């Protein structure tokens, strides 16, 4: 994957990836770990898909659309139900 300078790539701990050698210039990198407050991988996947759908609908219909507002409420309720602090 070729990205412009200043971009960040995040990999879930379950994915394998490969870093290719630098052929010119320099690679600057930083490594860090994040811990999700939503423990279940399945729940995180559902939330991601729902969020992507809400964003697509909001772009098409507007953020004030009744269904977009309702789905956003469902999304936030699911986060509240599945979050562990």
C-alpha atoms as a PDB file:
ATOM      1  CA  UNK A   1       0.000   0.000   0.000  1.00  0.00           C
ATOM      2  CA  UNK A   2       1.412   3.359  -1.008  1.00  0.00           C
ATOM      3  CA  UNK A   3       0.295   6.330   1.091  1.00  0.00           C
ATOM      4  CA  UNK A   4       1.191  10.013   0.979  1.00  0.00           C
ATOM      5  CA  UNK A   5       3.434  11.270   3.785  1.00  0.00           C
ATOM      6  CA  UNK A   6       1.759  11.915   7.118  1.00  0.00           C
ATOM      7  CA  UNK A   7      -0.853   9.162   6.897  1.00  0.00           C
ATOM      8  CA  UNK A   8      -1.445   6.515   9.511  1.00  0.00           C
ATOM      9  CA  UNK A   9      -2.274   2.866   8.898  1.00  0.00           C
ATOM     10  CA  UNK A  10      -3.896   0.851  11.671  1.00  0.00           C
ATOM     11  CA  UNK A  11      -3.946  -2.931  11.665  1.00  0.00           C
ATOM     12  CA  UNK A  12      -6.171  -4.986  13.957  1.00  0.00           C
ATOM     13  CA  UNK A  13      -4.223  -7.493  16.002  1.00  0.00           C
ATOM     14  CA  UNK A  14      -5.938 -10.303  14.100  1.00  0.00           C
ATOM     15  CA  UNK A  15      -4.553  -9.285  10.688  1.00  0.00           C
ATOM     16  CA  UNK A  16      -1.258 -10.236   9.095  1.00  0.00           C
ATOM     17  CA  UNK A  17       0.586  -7.608   7.102  1.00  0.00           C
ATOM     18  CA  UNK A  18       3.911  -7.162   5.377  1.00  0.00           C
ATOM     19  CA  UNK A  19       6.205  -4.154   5.199  1.00  0.00           C
ATOM     20  CA  UNK A  20       8.172  -3.837   1.962  1.00  0.00           C
ATOM     21  CA  UNK A  21      11.703  -2.411   1.805  1.00  0.00           C
ATOM     22  CA  UNK A  22      12.177   1.313   1.232  1.00  0.00           C
ATOM     23  CA  UNK A  23      13.554   1.828  -2.294  1.00  0.00           C
ATOM     24  CA  UNK A  24      14.151   5.580  -1.992  1.00  0.00           C
ATOM     25  CA  UNK A  25      13.775   8.193   0.703  1.00  0.00           C
ATOM     26  CA  UNK A  26      13.261   7.167   4.323  1.00  0.00           C
ATOM     27  CA  UNK A  27      10.543   5.409   6.281  1.00  0.00           C
ATOM     28  CA  UNK A  28       9.462   7.071   9.478  1.00  0.00           C
ATOM     29  CA  UNK A  29       7.359   4.903  11.721  1.00  0.00           C
ATOM     30  CA  UNK A  30       5.825   4.786  15.140  1.00  0.00           C
ATOM     31  CA  UNK A  31       4.352   1.798  16.917  1.00  0.00           C
ATOM     32  CA  UNK A  32       1.680   1.792  19.552  1.00  0.00           C
ATOM     33  CA  UNK A  33      -1.100  -0.400  20.855  1.00  0.00           C
ATOM     34  CA  UNK A  34      -4.708   0.479  21.528  1.00  0.00           C
ATOM     35  CA  UNK A  35      -7.183  -1.368  23.662  1.00  0.00           C
ATOM     36  CA  UNK A  36     -10.800  -1.176  22.609  1.00  0.00           C
ATOM     37  CA  UNK A  37     -13.432  -0.607  25.251  1.00  0.00           C
ATOM     38  CA  UNK A  38     -15.615  -3.011  23.220  1.00  0.00           C
ATOM     39  CA  UNK A  39     -14.062  -6.372  24.071  1.00  0.00           C
ATOM     40  CA  UNK A  40     -15.803  -8.598  21.510  1.00  0.00           C
ATOM     41  CA  UNK A  41     -14.337  -8.671  18.001  1.00  0.00           C
ATOM     42  CA  UNK A  42     -17.802  -9.529  16.654  1.00  0.00           C
ATOM     43  CA  UNK A  43     -19.358  -6.522  18.396  1.00  0.00           C
ATOM     44  CA  UNK A  44     -16.616  -4.231  17.058  1.00  0.00           C
ATOM     45  CA  UNK A  45     -17.237  -5.556  13.541  1.00  0.00           C
ATOM     46  CA  UNK A  46     -20.978  -4.927  13.842  1.00  0.00           C
ATOM     47  CA  UNK A  47     -20.366  -1.399  15.139  1.00  0.00           C
ATOM     48  CA  UNK A  48     -17.933  -0.694  12.303  1.00  0.00           C
ATOM     49  CA  UNK A  49     -20.367  -1.878   9.623  1.00  0.00           C
ATOM     50  CA  UNK A  50     -23.234   0.066  11.199  1.00  0.00           C
ATOM     51  CA  UNK A  51     -21.105   3.219  11.443  1.00  0.00           C
ATOM     52  CA  UNK A  52     -20.040   2.925   7.791  1.00  0.00           C
ATOM     53  CA  UNK A  53     -23.678   2.517   6.753  1.00  0.00           C
ATOM     54  CA  UNK A  54     -24.785   5.510   8.836  1.00  0.00           C
ATOM     55  CA  UNK A  55     -22.051   7.681   7.305  1.00  0.00           C
ATOM     56  CA  UNK A  56     -23.050   6.645   3.769  1.00  0.00           C
ATOM     57  CA  UNK A  57     -26.726   7.319   4.447  1.00  0.00           C
ATOM     58  CA  UNK A  58     -25.935  10.656   6.100  1.00  0.00           C
ATOM     59  CA  UNK A  59     -24.009  11.756   3.010  1.00  0.00           C
ATOM     60  CA  UNK A  60     -26.891  10.710   0.764  1.00  0.00           C
ATOM     61  CA  UNK A  61     -29.867  11.797   2.880  1.00  0.00           C
ATOM     62  CA  UNK A  62     -28.409  14.370   5.274  1.00  0.00           C
ATOM     63  CA  UNK A  63     -27.707  14.133   8.991  1.00  0.00           C
ATOM     64  CA  UNK A  64     -31.201  15.365   9.905  1.00  0.00           C
ATOM     65  CA  UNK A  65     -32.957  12.513   8.084  1.00  0.00           C
ATOM     66  CA  UNK A  66     -35.222  10.616  10.525  1.00  0.00           C
ATOM     67  CA  UNK A  67     -33.773   7.178   9.681  1.00  0.00           C
ATOM     68  CA  UNK A  68     -30.181   8.440   9.975  1.00  0.00           C
ATOM     69  CA  UNK A  69     -30.974   9.934  13.392  1.00  0.00           C
ATOM     70  CA  UNK A  70     -32.685   6.694  14.504  1.00  0.00           C
ATOM     71  CA  UNK A  71     -29.768   4.501  13.346  1.00  0.00           C
ATOM     72  CA  UNK A  72     -27.303   6.843  15.047  1.00  0.00           C
ATOM     73  CA  UNK A  73     -29.242   6.374  18.294  1.00  0.00           C
ATOM     74  CA  UNK A  74     -29.139   2.597  17.859  1.00  0.00           C
ATOM     75  CA  UNK A  75     -25.370   2.783  17.238  1.00  0.00           C
ATOM     76  CA  UNK A  76     -24.800   4.790  20.433  1.00  0.00           C
ATOM     77  CA  UNK A  77     -27.035   2.476  22.464  1.00  0.00           C
ATOM     78  CA  UNK A  78     -25.040  -0.529  21.229  1.00  0.00           C
ATOM     79  CA  UNK A  79     -21.788   1.185  22.233  1.00  0.00           C
ATOM     80  CA  UNK A  80     -23.202   1.878  25.712  1.00  0.00           C
ATOM     81  CA  UNK A  81     -24.369  -1.740  26.044  1.00  0.00           C
ATOM     82  CA  UNK A  82     -21.093  -3.306  24.844  1.00  0.00           C
ATOM     83  CA  UNK A  83     -18.505  -0.968  26.395  1.00  0.00           C
ATOM     84  CA  UNK A  84     -16.401  -2.136  29.328  1.00  0.00           C
ATOM     85  CA  UNK A  85     -14.466   0.511  31.217  1.00  0.00           C
END
